[in-house]
C-alpha atoms as a PDB file:
ATOM      1  CA  UNK A   1      29.049  28.963 -18.764  1.00  0.00           C
ATOM      2  CA  UNK A   2      27.063  26.474 -16.701  1.00  0.00           C
ATOM      3  CA  UNK A   3      23.552  25.068 -16.747  1.00  0.00           C
ATOM      4  CA  UNK A   4      22.282  22.703 -14.086  1.00  0.00           C
ATOM      5  CA  UNK A   5      19.231  20.550 -13.396  1.00  0.00           C
ATOM      6  CA  UNK A   6      18.325  18.865 -10.126  1.00  0.00           C
ATOM      7  CA  UNK A   7      18.502  15.121 -10.407  1.00  0.00           C
ATOM      8  CA  UNK A   8      15.288  13.161  -9.910  1.00  0.00           C
ATOM      9  CA  UNK A   9      15.423  11.160  -6.708  1.00  0.00           C
ATOM     10  CA  UNK A  10      14.039   8.067  -8.471  1.00  0.00           C
ATOM     11  CA  UNK A  11      16.732   7.933 -11.177  1.00  0.00           C
ATOM     12  CA  UNK A  12      17.847   4.322 -11.726  1.00  0.00           C
ATOM     13  CA  UNK A  13      21.406   3.311 -11.116  1.00  0.00           C
ATOM     14  CA  UNK A  14      23.453   2.811 -14.291  1.00  0.00           C
ATOM     15  CA  UNK A  15      26.813   3.963 -15.543  1.00  0.00           C
ATOM     16  CA  UNK A  16      26.894   6.920 -17.922  1.00  0.00           C
ATOM     17  CA  UNK A  17      29.253   6.985 -20.925  1.00  0.00           C
ATOM     18  CA  UNK A  18      32.526   8.820 -20.413  1.00  0.00           C
ATOM     19  CA  UNK A  19      32.801  10.684 -23.720  1.00  0.00           C
ATOM     20  CA  UNK A  20      31.108  11.057 -27.104  1.00  0.00           C
ATOM     21  CA  UNK A  21      30.964  13.613 -29.893  1.00  0.00           C
ATOM     22  CA  UNK A  22      28.097  16.077 -30.196  1.00  0.00           C
ATOM     23  CA  UNK A  23      27.037  18.142 -33.226  1.00  0.00           C
ATOM     24  CA  UNK A  24      25.997  21.615 -32.089  1.00  0.00           C
ATOM     25  CA  UNK A  25      26.119  25.123 -33.575  1.00  0.00           C
ATOM     26  CA  UNK A  26      27.946  23.865 -36.655  1.00  0.00           C
ATOM     27  CA  UNK A  27      30.712  22.313 -34.571  1.00  0.00           C
ATOM     28  CA  UNK A  28      31.601  18.764 -33.577  1.00  0.00           C
ATOM     29  CA  UNK A  29      32.685  18.871 -29.961  1.00  0.00           C
ATOM     30  CA  UNK A  30      33.692  16.204 -27.438  1.00  0.00           C
ATOM     31  CA  UNK A  31      31.069  15.800 -24.719  1.00  0.00           C
ATOM     32  CA  UNK A  32      32.748  14.509 -21.579  1.00  0.00           C
ATOM     33  CA  UNK A  33      30.523  12.880 -18.963  1.00  0.00           C
ATOM     34  CA  UNK A  34      32.005  12.760 -15.484  1.00  0.00           C
ATOM     35  CA  UNK A  35      30.391  10.934 -12.572  1.00  0.00           C
ATOM     36  CA  UNK A  36      30.831  12.441  -9.112  1.00  0.00           C
ATOM     37  CA  UNK A  37      29.723  11.096  -5.745  1.00  0.00           C
ATOM     38  CA  UNK A  38      29.455  14.689  -4.537  1.00  0.00           C
ATOM     39  CA  UNK A  39      27.227  15.898  -7.394  1.00  0.00           C
ATOM     40  CA  UNK A  40      23.587  16.503  -6.473  1.00  0.00           C
ATOM     41  CA  UNK A  41      22.415  17.472  -9.945  1.00  0.00           C
ATOM     42  CA  UNK A  42      23.346  17.295 -13.592  1.00  0.00           C
ATOM     43  CA  UNK A  43      25.606  20.203 -14.603  1.00  0.00           C
ATOM     44  CA  UNK A  44      26.312  21.128 -18.222  1.00  0.00           C
ATOM     45  CA  UNK A  45      29.377  23.269 -18.867  1.00  0.00           C
ATOM     46  CA  UNK A  46      31.004  24.754 -21.955  1.00  0.00           C
ATOM     47  CA  UNK A  47      34.745  24.534 -21.434  1.00  0.00           C
ATOM     48  CA  UNK A  48      36.864  27.661 -21.836  1.00  0.00           C
ATOM     49  CA  UNK A  49      37.321  28.511 -25.505  1.00  0.00           C
ATOM     50  CA  UNK A  50      34.251  26.503 -26.550  1.00  0.00           C
ATOM     51  CA  UNK A  51      36.343  23.474 -27.518  1.00  0.00           C
ATOM     52  CA  UNK A  52      34.561  20.875 -25.407  1.00  0.00           C
ATOM     53  CA  UNK A  53      31.430  20.218 -23.375  1.00  0.00           C
ATOM     54  CA  UNK A  54      31.264  18.624 -19.969  1.00  0.00           C
ATOM     55  CA  UNK A  55      28.397  17.091 -18.027  1.00  0.00           C
ATOM     56  CA  UNK A  56      28.924  16.328 -14.353  1.00  0.00           C
ATOM     57  CA  UNK A  57      26.408  13.804 -13.066  1.00  0.00           C
ATOM     58  CA  UNK A  58      25.698  12.105  -9.737  1.00  0.00           C
ATOM     59  CA  UNK A  59      26.925   8.535  -9.627  1.00  0.00           C
ATOM     60  CA  UNK A  60      24.554   6.057 -11.245  1.00  0.00           C
ATOM     61  CA  UNK A  61      22.691   8.384 -13.589  1.00  0.00           C
ATOM     62  CA  UNK A  62      21.779   6.351 -16.713  1.00  0.00           C
ATOM     63  CA  UNK A  63      23.051   7.341 -20.126  1.00  0.00           C
ATOM     64  CA  UNK A  64      19.551   7.971 -21.458  1.00  0.00           C
ATOM     65  CA  UNK A  65      18.906  10.559 -18.760  1.00  0.00           C
ATOM     66  CA  UNK A  66      22.136  12.364 -19.649  1.00  0.00           C
ATOM     67  CA  UNK A  67      21.135  12.288 -23.329  1.00  0.00           C
ATOM     68  CA  UNK A  68      17.698  13.752 -22.567  1.00  0.00           C
ATOM     69  CA  UNK A  69      19.264  16.464 -20.409  1.00  0.00           C
ATOM     70  CA  UNK A  70      21.692  17.495 -23.153  1.00  0.00           C
ATOM     71  CA  UNK A  71      18.985  17.357 -25.848  1.00  0.00           C
ATOM     72  CA  UNK A  72      16.625  19.583 -23.814  1.00  0.00           C
ATOM     73  CA  UNK A  73      19.349  22.211 -23.614  1.00  0.00           C
ATOM     74  CA  UNK A  74      20.548  21.991 -27.209  1.00  0.00           C
ATOM     75  CA  UNK A  75      19.173  25.479 -27.882  1.00  0.00           C
ATOM     76  CA  UNK A  76      20.997  26.841 -24.830  1.00  0.00           C
ATOM     77  CA  UNK A  77      24.248  25.372 -26.145  1.00  0.00           C
ATOM     78  CA  UNK A  78      23.745  26.844 -29.622  1.00  0.00           C
ATOM     79  CA  UNK A  79      23.007  30.274 -28.176  1.00  0.00           C
ATOM     80  CA  UNK A  80      26.102  30.264 -25.970  1.00  0.00           C
ATOM     81  CA  UNK A  81      28.460  28.735 -28.525  1.00  0.00           C
ATOM     82  CA  UNK A  82      27.421  31.332 -31.096  1.00  0.00           C
ATOM     83  CA  UNK A  83      29.127  33.891 -28.857  1.00  0.00           C
ATOM     84  CA  UNK A  84      32.371  31.897 -28.634  1.00  0.00           C
ATOM     85  CA  UNK A  85      34.749  32.624 -31.540  1.00  0.00           C
ATOM     86  CA  UNK A  86      36.069  29.775 -33.634  1.00  0.00           C
ATOM     87  CA  UNK A  87      39.639  29.160 -32.528  1.00  0.00           C
ATOM     88  CA  UNK A  88      41.972  31.260 -34.683  1.00  0.00           C
ATOM     89  CA  UNK A  89      45.301  29.706 -35.631  1.00  0.00           C
ATOM     90  CA  UNK A  90      48.391  31.829 -35.033  1.00  0.00           C
ATOM     91  CA  UNK A  91      49.850  32.620 -38.467  1.00  0.00           C
ATOM     92  CA  UNK A  92      51.560  35.423 -40.385  1.00  0.00           C
ATOM     93  CA  UNK A  93      49.314  38.341 -41.285  1.00  0.00           C
ATOM     94  CA  UNK A  94      46.976  38.230 -38.298  1.00  0.00           C
ATOM     95  CA  UNK A  95      47.252  40.371 -35.196  1.00  0.00           C
ATOM     96  CA  UNK A  96      48.120  38.984 -31.786  1.00  0.00           C
ATOM     97  CA  UNK A  97      47.711  41.046 -28.616  1.00  0.00           C
ATOM     98  CA  UNK A  98      50.756  41.656 -26.449  1.00  0.00           C
ATOM     99  CA  UNK A  99      50.028  43.393 -23.143  1.00  0.00           C
ATOM    100  CA  UNK A 100      46.687  44.416 -24.625  1.00  0.00           C
ATOM    101  CA  UNK A 101      48.052  45.992 -27.803  1.00  0.00           C
ATOM    102  CA  UNK A 102      47.456  44.318 -31.185  1.00  0.00           C
ATOM    103  CA  UNK A 103      50.698  43.307 -32.933  1.00  0.00           C
ATOM    104  CA  UNK A 104      50.909  42.159 -36.544  1.00  0.00           C
ATOM    105  CA  UNK A 105      52.588  38.768 -36.939  1.00  0.00           C
ATOM    106  CA  UNK A 106      55.344  39.022 -39.548  1.00  0.00           C
ATOM    107  CA  UNK A 107      57.375  36.014 -40.672  1.00  0.00           C
ATOM    108  CA  UNK A 108      60.955  36.642 -41.780  1.00  0.00           C
ATOM    109  CA  UNK A 109      62.448  33.182 -42.367  1.00  0.00           C
ATOM    110  CA  UNK A 110      65.750  34.470 -43.705  1.00  0.00           C
ATOM    111  CA  UNK A 111      66.829  36.012 -40.404  1.00  0.00           C
ATOM    112  CA  UNK A 112      68.205  34.341 -37.313  1.00  0.00           C
ATOM    113  CA  UNK A 113      66.721  34.509 -33.836  1.00  0.00           C
ATOM    114  CA  UNK A 114      63.320  33.745 -32.392  1.00  0.00           C
ATOM    115  CA  UNK A 115      60.830  36.615 -31.938  1.00  0.00           C
ATOM    116  CA  UNK A 116      61.432  40.356 -31.779  1.00  0.00           C
ATOM    117  CA  UNK A 117      59.110  43.320 -31.251  1.00  0.00           C
ATOM    118  CA  UNK A 118      59.340  46.052 -33.880  1.00  0.00           C
ATOM    119  CA  UNK A 119      57.238  48.239 -36.158  1.00  0.00           C
ATOM    120  CA  UNK A 120      56.121  47.426 -39.690  1.00  0.00           C
ATOM    121  CA  UNK A 121      54.481  50.166 -41.751  1.00  0.00           C
ATOM    122  CA  UNK A 122      53.988  52.189 -38.612  1.00  0.00           C
ATOM    123  CA  UNK A 123      52.219  49.520 -36.587  1.00  0.00           C
ATOM    124  CA  UNK A 124      53.470  47.287 -33.759  1.00  0.00           C
ATOM    125  CA  UNK A 125      54.646  43.907 -34.999  1.00  0.00           C
ATOM    126  CA  UNK A 126      55.997  40.603 -33.749  1.00  0.00           C
ATOM    127  CA  UNK A 127      58.772  39.502 -36.109  1.00  0.00           C
ATOM    128  CA  UNK A 128      59.157  35.728 -36.110  1.00  0.00           C
ATOM    129  CA  UNK A 129      62.276  34.162 -37.623  1.00  0.00           C
ATOM    130  CA  UNK A 130      63.062  30.621 -38.670  1.00  0.00           C
ATOM    131  CA  UNK A 131      60.951  27.992 -40.429  1.00  0.00           C
ATOM    132  CA  UNK A 132      57.241  28.694 -40.871  1.00  0.00           C
ATOM    133  CA  UNK A 133      56.281  25.413 -39.212  1.00  0.00           C
ATOM    134  CA  UNK A 134      57.821  26.590 -35.929  1.00  0.00           C
ATOM    135  CA  UNK A 135      56.103  29.993 -35.881  1.00  0.00           C
ATOM    136  CA  UNK A 136      53.245  29.153 -33.444  1.00  0.00           C
ATOM    137  CA  UNK A 137      55.627  27.481 -30.999  1.00  0.00           C
ATOM    138  CA  UNK A 138      58.088  30.368 -31.189  1.00  0.00           C
ATOM    139  CA  UNK A 139      55.318  32.848 -30.374  1.00  0.00           C
ATOM    140  CA  UNK A 140      54.119  30.707 -27.462  1.00  0.00           C
ATOM    141  CA  UNK A 141      57.688  30.495 -26.127  1.00  0.00           C
ATOM    142  CA  UNK A 142      58.010  34.259 -26.509  1.00  0.00           C
ATOM    143  CA  UNK A 143      54.860  34.852 -24.451  1.00  0.00           C
ATOM    144  CA  UNK A 144      56.167  32.462 -21.786  1.00  0.00           C
ATOM    145  CA  UNK A 145      59.411  34.430 -21.512  1.00  0.00           C
ATOM    146  CA  UNK A 146      57.520  37.714 -21.302  1.00  0.00           C
ATOM    147  CA  UNK A 147      55.221  36.257 -18.650  1.00  0.00           C
ATOM    148  CA  UNK A 148      58.154  35.108 -16.559  1.00  0.00           C
ATOM    149  CA  UNK A 149      59.729  38.563 -16.751  1.00  0.00           C
ATOM    150  CA  UNK A 150      56.596  40.563 -15.882  1.00  0.00           C
ATOM    151  CA  UNK A 151      54.907  38.218 -13.454  1.00  0.00           C
ATOM    152  CA  UNK A 152      57.940  37.377 -11.334  1.00  0.00           C
ATOM    153  CA  UNK A 153      58.481  41.125 -10.876  1.00  0.00           C
ATOM    154  CA  UNK A 154      54.836  41.616  -9.853  1.00  0.00           C
ATOM    155  CA  UNK A 155      54.949  38.614  -7.504  1.00  0.00           C
ATOM    156  CA  UNK A 156      57.965  40.125  -5.750  1.00  0.00           C
ATOM    157  CA  UNK A 157      56.162  43.463  -5.456  1.00  0.00           C
ATOM    158  CA  UNK A 158      52.894  42.099  -4.070  1.00  0.00           C
ATOM    159  CA  UNK A 159      54.426  39.485  -1.761  1.00  0.00           C
ATOM    160  CA  UNK A 160      56.526  42.233  -0.197  1.00  0.00           C
ATOM    161  CA  UNK A 161      53.316  44.158   0.472  1.00  0.00           C
ATOM    162  CA  UNK A 162      51.456  41.262   2.110  1.00  0.00           C
ATOM    163  CA  UNK A 163      54.504  39.998   3.981  1.00  0.00           C
ATOM    164  CA  UNK A 164      54.307  36.462   2.577  1.00  0.00           C
ATOM    165  CA  UNK A 165      56.675  34.582   0.284  1.00  0.00           C
ATOM    166  CA  UNK A 166      55.810  32.447  -2.719  1.00  0.00           C
ATOM    167  CA  UNK A 167      57.444  29.025  -2.663  1.00  0.00           C
ATOM    168  CA  UNK A 168      57.486  28.677  -6.465  1.00  0.00           C
ATOM    169  CA  UNK A 169      56.188  30.564  -9.491  1.00  0.00           C
ATOM    170  CA  UNK A 170      55.285  28.416 -12.500  1.00  0.00           C
ATOM    171  CA  UNK A 171      53.805  29.052 -15.934  1.00  0.00           C
ATOM    172  CA  UNK A 172      51.422  26.762 -17.792  1.00  0.00           C
ATOM    173  CA  UNK A 173      48.892  26.785 -20.617  1.00  0.00           C
ATOM    174  CA  UNK A 174      45.738  26.102 -18.627  1.00  0.00           C
ATOM    175  CA  UNK A 175      42.236  26.185 -20.100  1.00  0.00           C
ATOM    176  CA  UNK A 176      40.181  26.169 -16.906  1.00  0.00           C
ATOM    177  CA  UNK A 177      41.830  28.935 -14.867  1.00  0.00           C
ATOM    178  CA  UNK A 178      44.198  31.864 -15.246  1.00  0.00           C
ATOM    179  CA  UNK A 179      46.100  31.301 -12.039  1.00  0.00           C
ATOM    180  CA  UNK A 180      46.234  29.281  -8.838  1.00  0.00           C
ATOM    181  CA  UNK A 181      47.785  29.285  -5.399  1.00  0.00           C
ATOM    182  CA  UNK A 182      48.305  26.196  -3.263  1.00  0.00           C
ATOM    183  CA  UNK A 183      48.153  26.121   0.513  1.00  0.00           C
ATOM    184  CA  UNK A 184      51.943  25.724   0.697  1.00  0.00           C
ATOM    185  CA  UNK A 185      52.612  28.813  -1.427  1.00  0.00           C
ATOM    186  CA  UNK A 186      53.048  27.530  -4.980  1.00  0.00           C
ATOM    187  CA  UNK A 187      51.810  30.058  -7.536  1.00  0.00           C
ATOM    188  CA  UNK A 188      50.889  29.124 -11.101  1.00  0.00           C
ATOM    189  CA  UNK A 189      49.888  31.387 -13.991  1.00  0.00           C
ATOM    190  CA  UNK A 190      48.739  30.934 -17.568  1.00  0.00           C
ATOM    191  CA  UNK A 191      51.286  32.570 -19.859  1.00  0.00           C
ATOM    192  CA  UNK A 192      48.369  33.579 -22.117  1.00  0.00           C
ATOM    193  CA  UNK A 193      47.660  36.416 -19.674  1.00  0.00           C
ATOM    194  CA  UNK A 194      50.480  38.307 -21.430  1.00  0.00           C
ATOM    195  CA  UNK A 195      47.978  39.022 -24.206  1.00  0.00           C
ATOM    196  CA  UNK A 196      45.864  41.020 -21.725  1.00  0.00           C
ATOM    197  CA  UNK A 197      46.446  44.677 -20.756  1.00  0.00           C
ATOM    198  CA  UNK A 198      48.973  45.379 -17.950  1.00  0.00           C
ATOM    199  CA  UNK A 199      46.117  46.190 -15.558  1.00  0.00           C
ATOM    200  CA  UNK A 200      44.697  42.691 -15.986  1.00  0.00           C
ATOM    201  CA  UNK A 201      48.115  41.059 -15.576  1.00  0.00           C
ATOM    202  CA  UNK A 202      48.627  43.009 -12.360  1.00  0.00           C
ATOM    203  CA  UNK A 203      45.187  42.005 -11.094  1.00  0.00           C
ATOM    204  CA  UNK A 204      45.815  38.309 -11.761  1.00  0.00           C
ATOM    205  CA  UNK A 205      49.077  38.392  -9.815  1.00  0.00           C
ATOM    206  CA  UNK A 206      47.496  40.393  -6.998  1.00  0.00           C
ATOM    207  CA  UNK A 207      44.643  37.865  -6.866  1.00  0.00           C
ATOM    208  CA  UNK A 208      46.926  34.849  -6.481  1.00  0.00           C
ATOM    209  CA  UNK A 209      49.299  36.595  -4.058  1.00  0.00           C
ATOM    210  CA  UNK A 210      46.306  37.582  -1.905  1.00  0.00           C
ATOM    211  CA  UNK A 211      45.594  33.855  -1.582  1.00  0.00           C
ATOM    212  CA  UNK A 212      48.928  33.441   0.195  1.00  0.00           C
ATOM    213  CA  UNK A 213      47.245  35.220   3.088  1.00  0.00           C
ATOM    214  CA  UNK A 214      43.563  34.440   2.494  1.00  0.00           C
ATOM    215  CA  UNK A 215      42.888  30.984   1.001  1.00  0.00           C
ATOM    216  CA  UNK A 216      39.285  31.821   0.181  1.00  0.00           C
ATOM    217  CA  UNK A 217      37.152  34.337  -1.679  1.00  0.00           C
ATOM    218  CA  UNK A 218      35.635  35.990   1.359  1.00  0.00           C
ATOM    219  CA  UNK A 219      35.361  39.696   2.161  1.00  0.00           C
ATOM    220  CA  UNK A 220      38.870  39.905   3.636  1.00  0.00           C
ATOM    221  CA  UNK A 221      40.328  38.337   0.490  1.00  0.00           C
ATOM    222  CA  UNK A 222      38.640  40.831  -1.827  1.00  0.00           C
ATOM    223  CA  UNK A 223      39.595  43.710   0.441  1.00  0.00           C
ATOM    224  CA  UNK A 224      43.249  42.641   0.256  1.00  0.00           C
ATOM    225  CA  UNK A 225      43.016  42.102  -3.503  1.00  0.00           C
ATOM    226  CA  UNK A 226      41.671  45.646  -3.953  1.00  0.00           C
ATOM    227  CA  UNK A 227      44.475  47.026  -1.794  1.00  0.00           C
ATOM    228  CA  UNK A 228      47.048  45.331  -4.033  1.00  0.00           C
ATOM    229  CA  UNK A 229      45.216  46.244  -7.253  1.00  0.00           C
ATOM    230  CA  UNK A 230      42.835  49.210  -6.772  1.00  0.00           C
ATOM    231  CA  UNK A 231      41.263  48.608 -10.223  1.00  0.00           C
ATOM    232  CA  UNK A 232      40.346  45.024  -9.396  1.00  0.00           C
ATOM    233  CA  UNK A 233      36.700  45.352 -10.495  1.00  0.00           C
ATOM    234  CA  UNK A 234      37.696  46.843 -13.848  1.00  0.00           C
ATOM    235  CA  UNK A 235      40.276  44.106 -14.467  1.00  0.00           C
ATOM    236  CA  UNK A 236      37.860  41.331 -13.469  1.00  0.00           C
ATOM    237  CA  UNK A 237      35.252  42.689 -15.879  1.00  0.00           C
ATOM    238  CA  UNK A 238      37.798  42.839 -18.738  1.00  0.00           C
ATOM    239  CA  UNK A 239      38.875  39.236 -18.166  1.00  0.00           C
ATOM    240  CA  UNK A 240      35.274  38.063 -18.018  1.00  0.00           C
ATOM    241  CA  UNK A 241      34.519  39.757 -21.359  1.00  0.00           C
ATOM    242  CA  UNK A 242      37.709  38.818 -23.197  1.00  0.00           C
ATOM    243  CA  UNK A 243      39.226  35.801 -21.466  1.00  0.00           C
ATOM    244  CA  UNK A 244      37.537  33.176 -23.636  1.00  0.00           C
ATOM    245  CA  UNK A 245      38.858  34.814 -26.815  1.00  0.00           C
ATOM    246  CA  UNK A 246      42.419  34.683 -25.493  1.00  0.00           C
ATOM    247  CA  UNK A 247      42.024  31.038 -24.494  1.00  0.00           C
ATOM    248  CA  UNK A 248      40.676  30.213 -27.966  1.00  0.00           C
ATOM    249  CA  UNK A 249      43.850  31.229 -29.831  1.00  0.00           C
ATOM    250  CA  UNK A 250      45.727  28.168 -31.094  1.00  0.00           C
ATOM    251  CA  UNK A 251      49.512  28.001 -30.721  1.00  0.00           C
ATOM    252  CA  UNK A 252      49.767  24.446 -32.067  1.00  0.00           C
END
């Protein structure tokens, strides 16, 4: 979510503050102010998950101009943040999606092991063992293992199709993007994608593998992406609608 305003050519030169807290929509959020020599205008962004705000400004924009810009768009921020769910904390009794299907989180401290998939009262469940304090971390580790299993298989499938090899495949908890591909063939994925349906997981891998051949988002890239994942448009739309909610879940 981005809002921008062209910078006035006569703006005086002065350093803007780097970070402060802002009260908006019933939340207290860090507002990060980043100067950029390449910026031509002020850009206000709500970070993924609605946990922070960011203003990118051309070098030399004074703090008072940044403050006025943010204040003018306070209503815009409230409207957008109202649509972003408050970050739910992973805990027993709530449901967590696994490959798009809601699973009840059940804590069984008396048993050994980490996380297992089972049924409880006829519904899919994630059974988490061990101390309660370690439950969020155990679930995050479980999703990482599942991501490694599914995504490495999909990378092998799609790289074989395009005739290119991935140098490395890594998994991270990124808030700004779901995946990336470097020019030398390093692929990276957010393990949170394992909460999305299989179609969306396949699309994400197809997207990054397509970059091994087309390091851009031009027509040839999207054509290749659609060849690897024929339901690309459907998967993109799902991620656009639901991605922020997945990024908002706390595993801390």
